[in-house]
PDB file of all heavy atoms in Angstrom:
ATOM      1  N   ARG A   1       0.842-103.074  23.887  1.00  0.00           N
ATOM      2  CA  ARG A   1      -0.522-103.600  24.023  1.00  0.00           C
ATOM      3  C   ARG A   1      -0.549-104.695  25.087  1.00  0.00           C
ATOM      4  O   ARG A   1       0.323-105.553  25.144  1.00  0.00           O
ATOM      5  CB  ARG A   1      -1.011-104.171  22.690  1.00  0.00           C
ATOM      6  CG  ARG A   1      -0.902-103.182  21.538  1.00  0.00           C
ATOM      7  CD  ARG A   1      -1.284-103.848  20.212  1.00  0.00           C
ATOM      8  NE  ARG A   1      -0.867-103.046  19.077  1.00  0.00           N
ATOM      9  CZ  ARG A   1      -1.564-102.068  18.531  1.00  0.00           C
ATOM     10  NH1 ARG A   1      -2.751-101.770  19.030  1.00  0.00           N
ATOM     11  NH2 ARG A   1      -1.101-101.395  17.491  1.00  0.00           N
ATOM     12  N   ARG A   2      -1.579-104.634  25.912  1.00  0.00           N
ATOM     13  CA  ARG A   2      -1.823-105.722  26.859  1.00  0.00           C
ATOM     14  C   ARG A   2      -2.445-106.903  26.126  1.00  0.00           C
ATOM     15  O   ARG A   2      -3.423-106.757  25.402  1.00  0.00           O
ATOM     16  CB  ARG A   2      -2.791-105.272  27.941  1.00  0.00           C
ATOM     17  CG  ARG A   2      -2.158-104.797  29.226  1.00  0.00           C
ATOM     18  CD  ARG A   2      -3.243-104.813  30.311  1.00  0.00           C
ATOM     19  NE  ARG A   2      -2.826-104.109  31.512  1.00  0.00           N
ATOM     20  CZ  ARG A   2      -3.453-104.205  32.662  1.00  0.00           C
ATOM     21  NH1 ARG A   2      -4.552-104.969  32.747  1.00  0.00           N
ATOM     22  NH2 ARG A   2      -3.037-103.532  33.722  1.00  0.00           N
ATOM     23  N   VAL A   3      -1.870-108.074  26.369  1.00  0.00           N
ATOM     24  CA  VAL A   3      -2.473-109.308  25.882  1.00  0.00           C
ATOM     25  C   VAL A   3      -2.609-110.223  27.095  1.00  0.00           C
ATOM     26  O   VAL A   3      -1.635-110.479  27.811  1.00  0.00           O
ATOM     27  CB  VAL A   3      -1.605-109.971  24.799  1.00  0.00           C
ATOM     28  CG1 VAL A   3      -2.340-111.160  24.195  1.00  0.00           C
ATOM     29  CG2 VAL A   3      -1.221-108.974  23.717  1.00  0.00           C
ATOM     30  N   TYR A   4      -3.822-110.707  27.352  1.00  0.00           N
ATOM     31  CA  TYR A   4      -4.119-111.398  28.606  1.00  0.00           C
ATOM     32  C   TYR A   4      -3.888-112.905  28.500  1.00  0.00           C
ATOM     33  O   TYR A   4      -4.104-113.519  27.439  1.00  0.00           O
ATOM     34  CB  TYR A   4      -5.569-111.130  29.013  1.00  0.00           C
ATOM     35  CG  TYR A   4      -5.825-109.684  29.358  1.00  0.00           C
ATOM     36  CD1 TYR A   4      -6.202-108.769  28.381  1.00  0.00           C
ATOM     37  CD2 TYR A   4      -5.670-109.229  30.664  1.00  0.00           C
ATOM     38  CE1 TYR A   4      -6.434-107.436  28.689  1.00  0.00           C
ATOM     39  CE2 TYR A   4      -5.902-107.902  30.991  1.00  0.00           C
ATOM     40  CZ  TYR A   4      -6.271-107.006  29.991  1.00  0.00           C
ATOM     41  OH  TYR A   4      -6.485-105.685  30.310  1.00  0.00           O
ATOM     42  N   LEU A   5      -3.472-113.490  29.623  1.00  0.00           N
ATOM     43  CA  LEU A   5      -3.332-114.932  29.718  1.00  0.00           C
ATOM     44  C   LEU A   5      -4.679-115.516  30.152  1.00  0.00           C
ATOM     45  O   LEU A   5      -5.247-115.113  31.174  1.00  0.00           O
ATOM     46  CB  LEU A   5      -2.256-115.296  30.745  1.00  0.00           C
ATOM     47  CG  LEU A   5      -0.797-115.284  30.280  1.00  0.00           C
ATOM     48  CD1 LEU A   5      -0.386-113.943  29.703  1.00  0.00           C
ATOM     49  CD2 LEU A   5       0.140-115.673  31.431  1.00  0.00           C
ATOM     50  N   SER A   6      -5.177-116.436  29.361  1.00  0.00           N
ATOM     51  CA  SER A   6      -6.485-117.045  29.606  1.00  0.00           C
ATOM     52  C   SER A   6      -6.336-118.558  29.685  1.00  0.00           C
ATOM     53  O   SER A   6      -5.518-119.156  28.964  1.00  0.00           O
ATOM     54  CB  SER A   6      -7.453-116.684  28.472  1.00  0.00           C
ATOM     55  OG  SER A   6      -8.619-117.488  28.520  1.00  0.00           O
ATOM     56  N   ALA A   7      -7.121-119.185  30.541  1.00  0.00           N
ATOM     57  CA  ALA A   7      -7.087-120.645  30.668  1.00  0.00           C
ATOM     58  C   ALA A   7      -7.802-121.345  29.528  1.00  0.00           C
ATOM     59  O   ALA A   7      -7.665-122.567  29.355  1.00  0.00           O
ATOM     60  CB  ALA A   7      -7.718-121.064  31.996  1.00  0.00           C
ATOM     61  N   GLU A   8      -8.566-120.619  28.730  1.00  0.00           N
ATOM     62  CA  GLU A   8      -9.294-121.229  27.614  1.00  0.00           C
ATOM     63  C   GLU A   8      -8.320-121.897  26.649  1.00  0.00           C
ATOM     64  O   GLU A   8      -7.321-121.291  26.252  1.00  0.00           O
ATOM     65  CB  GLU A   8     -10.115-120.179  26.878  1.00  0.00           C
ATOM     66  CG  GLU A   8     -11.292-119.660  27.670  1.00  0.00           C
ATOM     67  CD  GLU A   8     -12.274-120.769  28.006  1.00  0.00           C
ATOM     68  OE1 GLU A   8     -12.594-121.577  27.108  1.00  0.00           O
ATOM     69  OE2 GLU A   8     -12.707-120.847  29.178  1.00  0.00           O
ATOM     70  N   PRO A   9      -8.554-123.139  26.264  1.00  0.00           N
ATOM     71  CA  PRO A   9      -7.601-123.850  25.407  1.00  0.00           C
ATOM     72  C   PRO A   9      -7.500-123.228  24.020  1.00  0.00           C
ATOM     73  O   PRO A   9      -8.500-122.802  23.441  1.00  0.00           O
ATOM     74  CB  PRO A   9      -8.169-125.269  25.347  1.00  0.00           C
ATOM     75  CG  PRO A   9      -9.616-125.131  25.683  1.00  0.00           C
ATOM     76  CD  PRO A   9      -9.715-123.979  26.642  1.00  0.00           C
ATOM     77  N   SER A  10      -6.261-123.195  23.499  1.00  0.00           N
ATOM     78  CA  SER A  10      -6.043-122.698  22.138  1.00  0.00           C
ATOM     79  C   SER A  10      -6.102-123.829  21.129  1.00  0.00           C
ATOM     80  O   SER A  10      -6.224-123.587  19.920  1.00  0.00           O
ATOM     81  CB  SER A  10      -4.677-122.013  22.043  1.00  0.00           C
ATOM     82  OG  SER A  10      -3.622-122.961  22.104  1.00  0.00           O
ATOM     83  N   GLY A  11      -5.964-125.070  21.622  1.00  0.00           N
ATOM     84  CA  GLY A  11      -5.975-126.215  20.719  1.00  0.00           C
ATOM     85  C   GLY A  11      -4.672-126.400  19.969  1.00  0.00           C
ATOM     86  O   GLY A  11      -4.628-127.149  18.985  1.00  0.00           O
ATOM     87  N   THR A  12      -3.594-125.753  20.447  1.00  0.00           N
ATOM     88  CA  THR A  12      -2.328-125.810  19.707  1.00  0.00           C
ATOM     89  C   THR A  12      -1.194-126.450  20.500  1.00  0.00           C
ATOM     90  O   THR A  12      -0.115-126.659  19.942  1.00  0.00           O
ATOM     91  CB  THR A  12      -1.881-124.388  19.308  1.00  0.00           C
ATOM     92  OG1 THR A  12      -1.641-123.617  20.493  1.00  0.00           O
ATOM     93  CG2 THR A  12      -2.936-123.705  18.458  1.00  0.00           C
ATOM     94  N   ALA A  13      -1.375-126.738  21.783  1.00  0.00           N
ATOM     95  CA  ALA A  13      -0.274-127.238  22.621  1.00  0.00           C
ATOM     96  C   ALA A  13      -0.783-128.338  23.532  1.00  0.00           C
ATOM     97  O   ALA A  13      -0.740-128.240  24.765  1.00  0.00           O
ATOM     98  CB  ALA A  13       0.342-126.106  23.439  1.00  0.00           C
ATOM     99  N   GLY A  14      -1.240-129.418  22.937  1.00  0.00           N
ATOM    100  CA  GLY A  14      -1.902-130.475  23.693  1.00  0.00           C
ATOM    101  C   GLY A  14      -1.014-131.195  24.682  1.00  0.00           C
ATOM    102  O   GLY A  14      -1.508-131.792  25.638  1.00  0.00           O
ATOM    103  N   LYS A  15       0.322-131.172  24.488  1.00  0.00           N
ATOM    104  CA  LYS A  15       1.216-131.895  25.390  1.00  0.00           C
ATOM    105  C   LYS A  15       1.795-131.010  26.489  1.00  0.00           C
ATOM    106  O   LYS A  15       2.601-131.470  27.298  1.00  0.00           O
ATOM    107  CB  LYS A  15       2.341-132.546  24.589  1.00  0.00           C
ATOM    108  CG  LYS A  15       1.831-133.641  23.653  1.00  0.00           C
ATOM    109  CD  LYS A  15       2.968-134.347  22.942  1.00  0.00           C
ATOM    110  CE  LYS A  15       2.424-135.454  22.041  1.00  0.00           C
ATOM    111  NZ  LYS A  15       3.507-136.179  21.332  1.00  0.00           N
ATOM    112  N   ALA A  16       1.408-129.743  26.519  1.00  0.00           N
ATOM    113  CA  ALA A  16       1.869-128.852  27.581  1.00  0.00           C
ATOM    114  C   ALA A  16       1.157-129.187  28.885  1.00  0.00           C
ATOM    115  O   ALA A  16       0.123-129.869  28.904  1.00  0.00           O
ATOM    116  CB  ALA A  16       1.591-127.404  27.189  1.00  0.00           C
ATOM    117  N   VAL A  17       1.708-128.688  29.992  1.00  0.00           N
ATOM    118  CA  VAL A  17       1.033-128.851  31.288  1.00  0.00           C
ATOM    119  C   VAL A  17      -0.371-128.261  31.209  1.00  0.00           C
ATOM    120  O   VAL A  17      -1.333-128.835  31.736  1.00  0.00           O
ATOM    121  CB  VAL A  17       1.849-128.168  32.406  1.00  0.00           C
ATOM    122  CG1 VAL A  17       1.084-128.192  33.727  1.00  0.00           C
ATOM    123  CG2 VAL A  17       3.199-128.843  32.561  1.00  0.00           C
ATOM    124  N   HIS A  18      -0.478-127.108  30.533  1.00  0.00           N
ATOM    125  CA  HIS A  18      -1.792-126.544  30.250  1.00  0.00           C
ATOM    126  C   HIS A  18      -1.705-125.769  28.940  1.00  0.00           C
ATOM    127  O   HIS A  18      -0.769-125.010  28.716  1.00  0.00           O
ATOM    128  CB  HIS A  18      -2.260-125.613  31.366  1.00  0.00           C
ATOM    129  CG  HIS A  18      -3.643-125.076  31.124  1.00  0.00           C
ATOM    130  ND1 HIS A  18      -4.785-125.755  31.505  1.00  0.00           N
ATOM    131  CD2 HIS A  18      -4.082-123.942  30.497  1.00  0.00           C
ATOM    132  CE1 HIS A  18      -5.852-125.074  31.148  1.00  0.00           C
ATOM    133  NE2 HIS A  18      -5.457-123.967  30.533  1.00  0.00           N
ATOM    134  N   ASP A  19      -2.682-125.949  28.097  1.00  0.00           N
ATOM    135  CA  ASP A  19      -2.787-125.240  26.819  1.00  0.00           C
ATOM    136  C   ASP A  19      -3.788-124.103  26.979  1.00  0.00           C
ATOM    137  O   ASP A  19      -4.995-124.312  26.959  1.00  0.00           O
ATOM    138  CB  ASP A  19      -3.238-126.213  25.721  1.00  0.00           C
ATOM    139  CG  ASP A  19      -3.643-125.499  24.439  1.00  0.00           C
ATOM    140  OD1 ASP A  19      -3.080-124.412  24.166  1.00  0.00           O
ATOM    141  OD2 ASP A  19      -4.511-126.031  23.706  1.00  0.00           O
ATOM    142  N   GLY A  20      -3.265-122.891  27.190  1.00  0.00           N
ATOM    143  CA  GLY A  20      -4.125-121.731  27.342  1.00  0.00           C
ATOM    144  C   GLY A  20      -4.053-120.813  26.142  1.00  0.00           C
ATOM    145  O   GLY A  20      -3.441-121.132  25.116  1.00  0.00           O
ATOM    146  N   SER A  21      -4.678-119.649  26.280  1.00  0.00           N
ATOM    147  CA  SER A  21      -4.781-118.716  25.161  1.00  0.00           C
ATOM    148  C   SER A  21      -4.276-117.331  25.544  1.00  0.00           C
ATOM    149  O   SER A  21      -4.224-116.974  26.727  1.00  0.00           O
ATOM    150  CB  SER A  21      -6.241-118.605  24.690  1.00  0.00           C
ATOM    151  OG  SER A  21      -6.731-119.838  24.231  1.00  0.00           O
ATOM    152  N   LEU A  22      -3.922-116.548  24.534  1.00  0.00           N
ATOM    153  CA  LEU A  22      -3.669-115.120  24.663  1.00  0.00           C
ATOM    154  C   LEU A  22      -4.851-114.393  24.046  1.00  0.00           C
ATOM    155  O   LEU A  22      -5.223-114.669  22.899  1.00  0.00           O
ATOM    156  CB  LEU A  22      -2.377-114.716  23.944  1.00  0.00           C
ATOM    157  CG  LEU A  22      -1.058-115.224  24.527  1.00  0.00           C
ATOM    158  CD1 LEU A  22       0.111-114.791  23.635  1.00  0.00           C
ATOM    159  CD2 LEU A  22      -0.845-114.717  25.944  1.00  0.00           C
ATOM    160  N   THR A  23      -5.446-113.478  24.789  1.00  0.00           N
ATOM    161  CA  THR A  23      -6.636-112.775  24.317  1.00  0.00           C
ATOM    162  C   THR A  23      -6.481-111.283  24.548  1.00  0.00           C
ATOM    163  O   THR A  23      -5.693-110.837  25.386  1.00  0.00           O
ATOM    164  CB  THR A  23      -7.891-113.281  25.056  1.00  0.00           C
ATOM    165  OG1 THR A  23      -7.754-113.008  26.447  1.00  0.00           O
ATOM    166  CG2 THR A  23      -8.082-114.775  24.838  1.00  0.00           C
ATOM    167  N   MET A  24      -7.253-110.503  23.833  1.00  0.00           N
ATOM    168  CA  MET A  24      -7.183-109.047  23.973  1.00  0.00           C
ATOM    169  C   MET A  24      -8.042-108.538  25.124  1.00  0.00           C
ATOM    170  O   MET A  24      -8.013-107.358  25.442  1.00  0.00           O
ATOM    171  CB  MET A  24      -7.605-108.378  22.666  1.00  0.00           C
ATOM    172  CG  MET A  24      -6.677-108.675  21.482  1.00  0.00           C
ATOM    173  SD  MET A  24      -4.941-108.248  21.801  1.00  0.00           S
ATOM    174  CE  MET A  24      -5.048-106.468  21.960  1.00  0.00           C
ATOM    175  N   SER A  25      -8.807-109.425  25.766  1.00  0.00           N
ATOM    176  CA  SER A  25      -9.615-109.021  26.919  1.00  0.00           C
ATOM    177  C   SER A  25      -9.339-109.963  28.083  1.00  0.00           C
ATOM    178  O   SER A  25      -8.944-111.121  27.884  1.00  0.00           O
ATOM    179  CB  SER A  25     -11.110-109.042  26.571  1.00  0.00           C
ATOM    180  OG  SER A  25     -11.495-110.320  26.120  1.00  0.00           O
ATOM    181  N   ALA A  26      -9.543-109.470  29.297  1.00  0.00           N
ATOM    182  CA  ALA A  26      -9.269-110.269  30.487  1.00  0.00           C
ATOM    183  C   ALA A  26     -10.205-111.474  30.548  1.00  0.00           C
ATOM    184  O   ALA A  26     -11.345-111.421  30.059  1.00  0.00           O
ATOM    185  CB  ALA A  26      -9.438-109.412  31.739  1.00  0.00           C
ATOM    186  N   PRO A  27      -9.740-112.584  31.128  1.00  0.00           N
ATOM    187  CA  PRO A  27     -10.600-113.773  31.209  1.00  0.00           C
ATOM    188  C   PRO A  27     -11.849-113.493  32.045  1.00  0.00           C
ATOM    189  O   PRO A  27     -11.834-112.683  32.974  1.00  0.00           O
ATOM    190  CB  PRO A  27      -9.693-114.811  31.872  1.00  0.00           C
ATOM    191  CG  PRO A  27      -8.660-114.015  32.603  1.00  0.00           C
ATOM    192  CD  PRO A  27      -8.435-112.790  31.782  1.00  0.00           C
ATOM    193  N   ALA A  28     -12.926-114.173  31.711  1.00  0.00           N
ATOM    194  CA  ALA A  28     -14.200-113.942  32.399  1.00  0.00           C
ATOM    195  C   ALA A  28     -14.283-114.704  33.712  1.00  0.00           C
ATOM    196  O   ALA A  28     -15.021-114.308  34.620  1.00  0.00           O
ATOM    197  CB  ALA A  28     -15.356-114.350  31.484  1.00  0.00           C
ATOM    198  N   GLU A  29     -13.526-115.809  33.833  1.00  0.00           N
ATOM    199  CA  GLU A  29     -13.611-116.636  35.031  1.00  0.00           C
ATOM    200  C   GLU A  29     -12.237-116.765  35.675  1.00  0.00           C
ATOM    201  O   GLU A  29     -11.209-116.721  35.003  1.00  0.00           O
ATOM    202  CB  GLU A  29     -14.137-118.038  34.686  1.00  0.00           C
ATOM    203  CG  GLU A  29     -15.545-118.040  34.132  1.00  0.00           C
ATOM    204  CD  GLU A  29     -16.026-119.445  33.811  1.00  0.00           C
ATOM    205  OE1 GLU A  29     -15.215-120.387  33.967  1.00  0.00           O
ATOM    206  OE2 GLU A  29     -17.195-119.592  33.429  1.00  0.00           O
ATOM    207  N   ARG A  30     -12.254-116.958  36.972  1.00  0.00           N
ATOM    208  CA  ARG A  30     -11.010-117.152  37.704  1.00  0.00           C
ATOM    209  C   ARG A  30     -10.570-118.601  37.609  1.00  0.00           C
ATOM    210  O   ARG A  30     -11.373-119.525  37.770  1.00  0.00           O
ATOM    211  CB  ARG A  30     -11.196-116.751  39.168  1.00  0.00           C
ATOM    212  CG  ARG A  30      -9.936-116.931  40.000  1.00  0.00           C
ATOM    213  CD  ARG A  30     -10.113-116.391  41.400  1.00  0.00           C
ATOM    214  NE  ARG A  30      -8.911-116.599  42.194  1.00  0.00           N
ATOM    215  CZ  ARG A  30      -8.738-116.124  43.420  1.00  0.00           C
ATOM    216  NH1 ARG A  30      -9.699-115.398  43.991  1.00  0.00           N
ATOM    217  NH2 ARG A  30      -7.625-116.366  44.090  1.00  0.00           N
ATOM    218  N   ARG A  31      -9.266-118.784  37.325  1.00  0.00           N
ATOM    219  CA  ARG A  31      -8.683-120.121  37.282  1.00  0.00           C
ATOM    220  C   ARG A  31      -7.302-120.085  37.916  1.00  0.00           C
ATOM    221  O   ARG A  31      -6.586-119.088  37.843  1.00  0.00           O
ATOM    222  CB  ARG A  31      -8.551-120.609  35.829  1.00  0.00           C
ATOM    223  CG  ARG A  31      -9.859-120.969  35.148  1.00  0.00           C
ATOM    224  CD  ARG A  31     -10.373-122.341  35.611  1.00  0.00           C
ATOM    225  NE  ARG A  31      -9.414-123.403  35.344  1.00  0.00           N
ATOM    226  CZ  ARG A  31      -9.303-124.036  34.160  1.00  0.00           C
ATOM    227  NH1 ARG A  31     -10.086-123.704  33.152  1.00  0.00           N
ATOM    228  NH2 ARG A  31      -8.421-125.007  34.015  1.00  0.00           N
TER     229      ARG A  31
END
């Protein structure tokens, strides 16, 4: 299964360089 990398925050990794999400659909915006 494809799982997409999204810039939308997951709220679970606040100290990372960036806290993004894994989603079942491609992100709507370019980042």
